[in-house]
Amino acid sequence: MATDAAAYEGARLREGLLDRTNTSKSVWADTAYRSAANEAFMEKNGFVSRVHRKKPKGRPMPETIRRANNLKSKVRSRVEHVFGEQKSRMGRPS
């Protein structure tokens, strides 16, 4: 699905972005996809949220959340590098 740049990408999660037939039920995403509605949708449909947590407004990031986000980033970056390399081989810009 293509949308304009002003569209909120987090709402796309509930609009067919996730494939229920996928063998992996983990959902890895950045903070744009973290919302109560998305978390409830994932739980209802059997997905496991690995979505980054947001920093609390007006407070420093708690150490436990920072560590959890770092672990998630390590996994996401490994996957994203594979797709970046594939795009590069096809001569497409990153």
C-alpha atoms as a PDB file:
ATOM      1  CA  MET A   1       0.000   0.000   0.000  1.00  0.00           C
ATOM      2  CA  ALA A   2       1.333   3.421  -0.910  1.00  0.00           C
ATOM      3  CA  THR A   3       0.468   6.482   1.135  1.00  0.00           C
ATOM      4  CA  ASP A   4       1.568  10.101   1.129  1.00  0.00           C
ATOM      5  CA  ALA A   5       4.379  11.161   3.439  1.00  0.00           C
ATOM      6  CA  ALA A   6       1.970  12.784   5.905  1.00  0.00           C
ATOM      7  CA  ALA A   7       0.160   9.490   6.646  1.00  0.00           C
ATOM      8  CA  TYR A   8       0.822   7.973  10.064  1.00  0.00           C
ATOM      9  CA  GLU A   9       2.714   4.754   9.349  1.00  0.00           C
ATOM     10  CA  GLY A  10       1.812   3.142  12.681  1.00  0.00           C
ATOM     11  CA  ALA A  11      -1.799   2.734  11.535  1.00  0.00           C
ATOM     12  CA  ARG A  12      -0.669   0.535   8.596  1.00  0.00           C
ATOM     13  CA  LEU A  13       0.117  -2.276  11.035  1.00  0.00           C
ATOM     14  CA  ARG A  14      -3.572  -3.031  11.476  1.00  0.00           C
ATOM     15  CA  GLU A  15      -4.354  -2.604   7.762  1.00  0.00           C
ATOM     16  CA  GLY A  16      -2.868  -5.801   6.401  1.00  0.00           C
ATOM     17  CA  LEU A  17       0.823  -5.149   7.002  1.00  0.00           C
ATOM     18  CA  LEU A  18       1.195  -8.332   9.080  1.00  0.00           C
ATOM     19  CA  ASP A  19       0.780 -11.733   7.457  1.00  0.00           C
ATOM     20  CA  ARG A  20      -1.055 -14.199   9.693  1.00  0.00           C
ATOM     21  CA  THR A  21       0.296 -17.144   7.670  1.00  0.00           C
ATOM     22  CA  ASN A  22       3.916 -16.200   8.410  1.00  0.00           C
ATOM     23  CA  THR A  23       5.683 -18.858  10.483  1.00  0.00           C
ATOM     24  CA  SER A  24       7.321 -16.227  12.695  1.00  0.00           C
ATOM     25  CA  LYS A  25       4.980 -14.413  15.031  1.00  0.00           C
ATOM     26  CA  SER A  26       7.518 -11.828  16.254  1.00  0.00           C
ATOM     27  CA  VAL A  27       6.953  -8.270  15.054  1.00  0.00           C
ATOM     28  CA  TRP A  28      10.137  -6.159  14.967  1.00  0.00           C
ATOM     29  CA  ALA A  29       9.530  -2.441  14.445  1.00  0.00           C
ATOM     30  CA  ASP A  30      10.538   1.029  15.572  1.00  0.00           C
ATOM     31  CA  THR A  31       8.612   3.267  17.959  1.00  0.00           C
ATOM     32  CA  ALA A  32       6.292   4.572  15.217  1.00  0.00           C
ATOM     33  CA  TYR A  33       4.403   1.281  15.483  1.00  0.00           C
ATOM     34  CA  ARG A  34       4.010   1.330  19.287  1.00  0.00           C
ATOM     35  CA  SER A  35       0.462   2.210  20.305  1.00  0.00           C
ATOM     36  CA  ALA A  36      -2.151   0.665  22.559  1.00  0.00           C
ATOM     37  CA  ALA A  37      -4.258  -0.202  19.500  1.00  0.00           C
ATOM     38  CA  ASN A  38      -1.341  -1.934  17.735  1.00  0.00           C
ATOM     39  CA  GLU A  39      -0.301  -3.832  20.867  1.00  0.00           C
ATOM     40  CA  ALA A  40      -3.881  -5.057  21.375  1.00  0.00           C
ATOM     41  CA  PHE A  41      -4.125  -6.035  17.681  1.00  0.00           C
ATOM     42  CA  MET A  42      -0.900  -8.036  17.838  1.00  0.00           C
ATOM     43  CA  GLU A  43      -1.914  -9.831  21.033  1.00  0.00           C
ATOM     44  CA  LYS A  44      -5.394 -10.649  19.678  1.00  0.00           C
ATOM     45  CA  ASN A  45      -3.916 -12.088  16.461  1.00  0.00           C
ATOM     46  CA  GLY A  46      -1.179 -14.156  18.100  1.00  0.00           C
ATOM     47  CA  PHE A  47       1.797 -11.919  17.289  1.00  0.00           C
ATOM     48  CA  VAL A  48       4.625 -11.227  19.750  1.00  0.00           C
ATOM     49  CA  SER A  49       5.555  -7.551  19.976  1.00  0.00           C
ATOM     50  CA  ARG A  50       9.246  -6.729  19.632  1.00  0.00           C
ATOM     51  CA  VAL A  51       8.434  -3.078  18.973  1.00  0.00           C
ATOM     52  CA  HIS A  52      10.760  -0.488  20.510  1.00  0.00           C
ATOM     53  CA  ARG A  53       9.459   1.350  23.544  1.00  0.00           C
ATOM     54  CA  LYS A  54       9.162   5.126  23.594  1.00  0.00           C
ATOM     55  CA  LYS A  55      10.975   7.396  26.024  1.00  0.00           C
ATOM     56  CA  PRO A  56       8.643   8.750  28.735  1.00  0.00           C
ATOM     57  CA  LYS A  57       7.854  12.427  28.160  1.00  0.00           C
ATOM     58  CA  GLY A  58       9.863  14.760  30.361  1.00  0.00           C
ATOM     59  CA  ARG A  59      11.882  11.974  31.962  1.00  0.00           C
ATOM     60  CA  PRO A  60      15.090  10.161  31.107  1.00  0.00           C
ATOM     61  CA  MET A  61      14.853   6.749  29.460  1.00  0.00           C
ATOM     62  CA  PRO A  62      14.724   4.032  32.162  1.00  0.00           C
ATOM     63  CA  GLU A  63      17.752   1.737  32.015  1.00  0.00           C
ATOM     64  CA  THR A  64      15.653  -1.419  31.542  1.00  0.00           C
ATOM     65  CA  ILE A  65      13.859   0.037  28.504  1.00  0.00           C
ATOM     66  CA  ARG A  66      17.139   1.329  27.060  1.00  0.00           C
ATOM     67  CA  ARG A  67      18.713  -2.139  27.320  1.00  0.00           C
ATOM     68  CA  ALA A  68      15.650  -3.832  25.803  1.00  0.00           C
ATOM     69  CA  ASN A  69      15.650  -1.376  22.882  1.00  0.00           C
ATOM     70  CA  ASN A  70      19.379  -1.983  22.316  1.00  0.00           C
ATOM     71  CA  LEU A  71      18.813  -5.752  22.072  1.00  0.00           C
ATOM     72  CA  LYS A  72      15.958  -5.236  19.618  1.00  0.00           C
ATOM     73  CA  SER A  73      18.111  -2.865  17.540  1.00  0.00           C
ATOM     74  CA  LYS A  74      20.852  -5.473  17.198  1.00  0.00           C
ATOM     75  CA  VAL A  75      18.422  -7.962  15.651  1.00  0.00           C
ATOM     76  CA  ARG A  76      16.685  -5.387  13.443  1.00  0.00           C
ATOM     77  CA  SER A  77      19.971  -4.016  12.088  1.00  0.00           C
ATOM     78  CA  ARG A  78      21.153  -7.479  11.053  1.00  0.00           C
ATOM     79  CA  VAL A  79      17.973  -8.033   9.065  1.00  0.00           C
ATOM     80  CA  GLU A  80      17.935  -4.532   7.566  1.00  0.00           C
ATOM     81  CA  HIS A  81      21.539  -4.889   6.380  1.00  0.00           C
ATOM     82  CA  VAL A  82      20.606  -8.017   4.403  1.00  0.00           C
ATOM     83  CA  PHE A  83      17.841  -6.177   2.554  1.00  0.00           C
ATOM     84  CA  GLY A  84      20.102  -3.154   2.023  1.00  0.00           C
ATOM     85  CA  GLU A  85      22.729  -5.401   0.419  1.00  0.00           C
ATOM     86  CA  GLN A  86      20.121  -6.982  -1.856  1.00  0.00           C
ATOM     87  CA  LYS A  87      18.937  -3.548  -3.002  1.00  0.00           C
ATOM     88  CA  SER A  88      22.524  -2.501  -3.612  1.00  0.00           C
ATOM     89  CA  ARG A  89      23.183  -5.537  -5.833  1.00  0.00           C
ATOM     90  CA  MET A  90      20.160  -4.630  -7.931  1.00  0.00           C
ATOM     91  CA  GLY A  91      21.513  -1.100  -8.383  1.00  0.00           C
ATOM     92  CA  ARG A  92      18.788   0.551  -6.337  1.00  0.00           C
ATOM     93  CA  PRO A  93      19.476   3.473  -4.021  1.00  0.00           C
ATOM     94  CA  SER A  94      19.253   2.841  -0.269  1.00  0.00           C
END
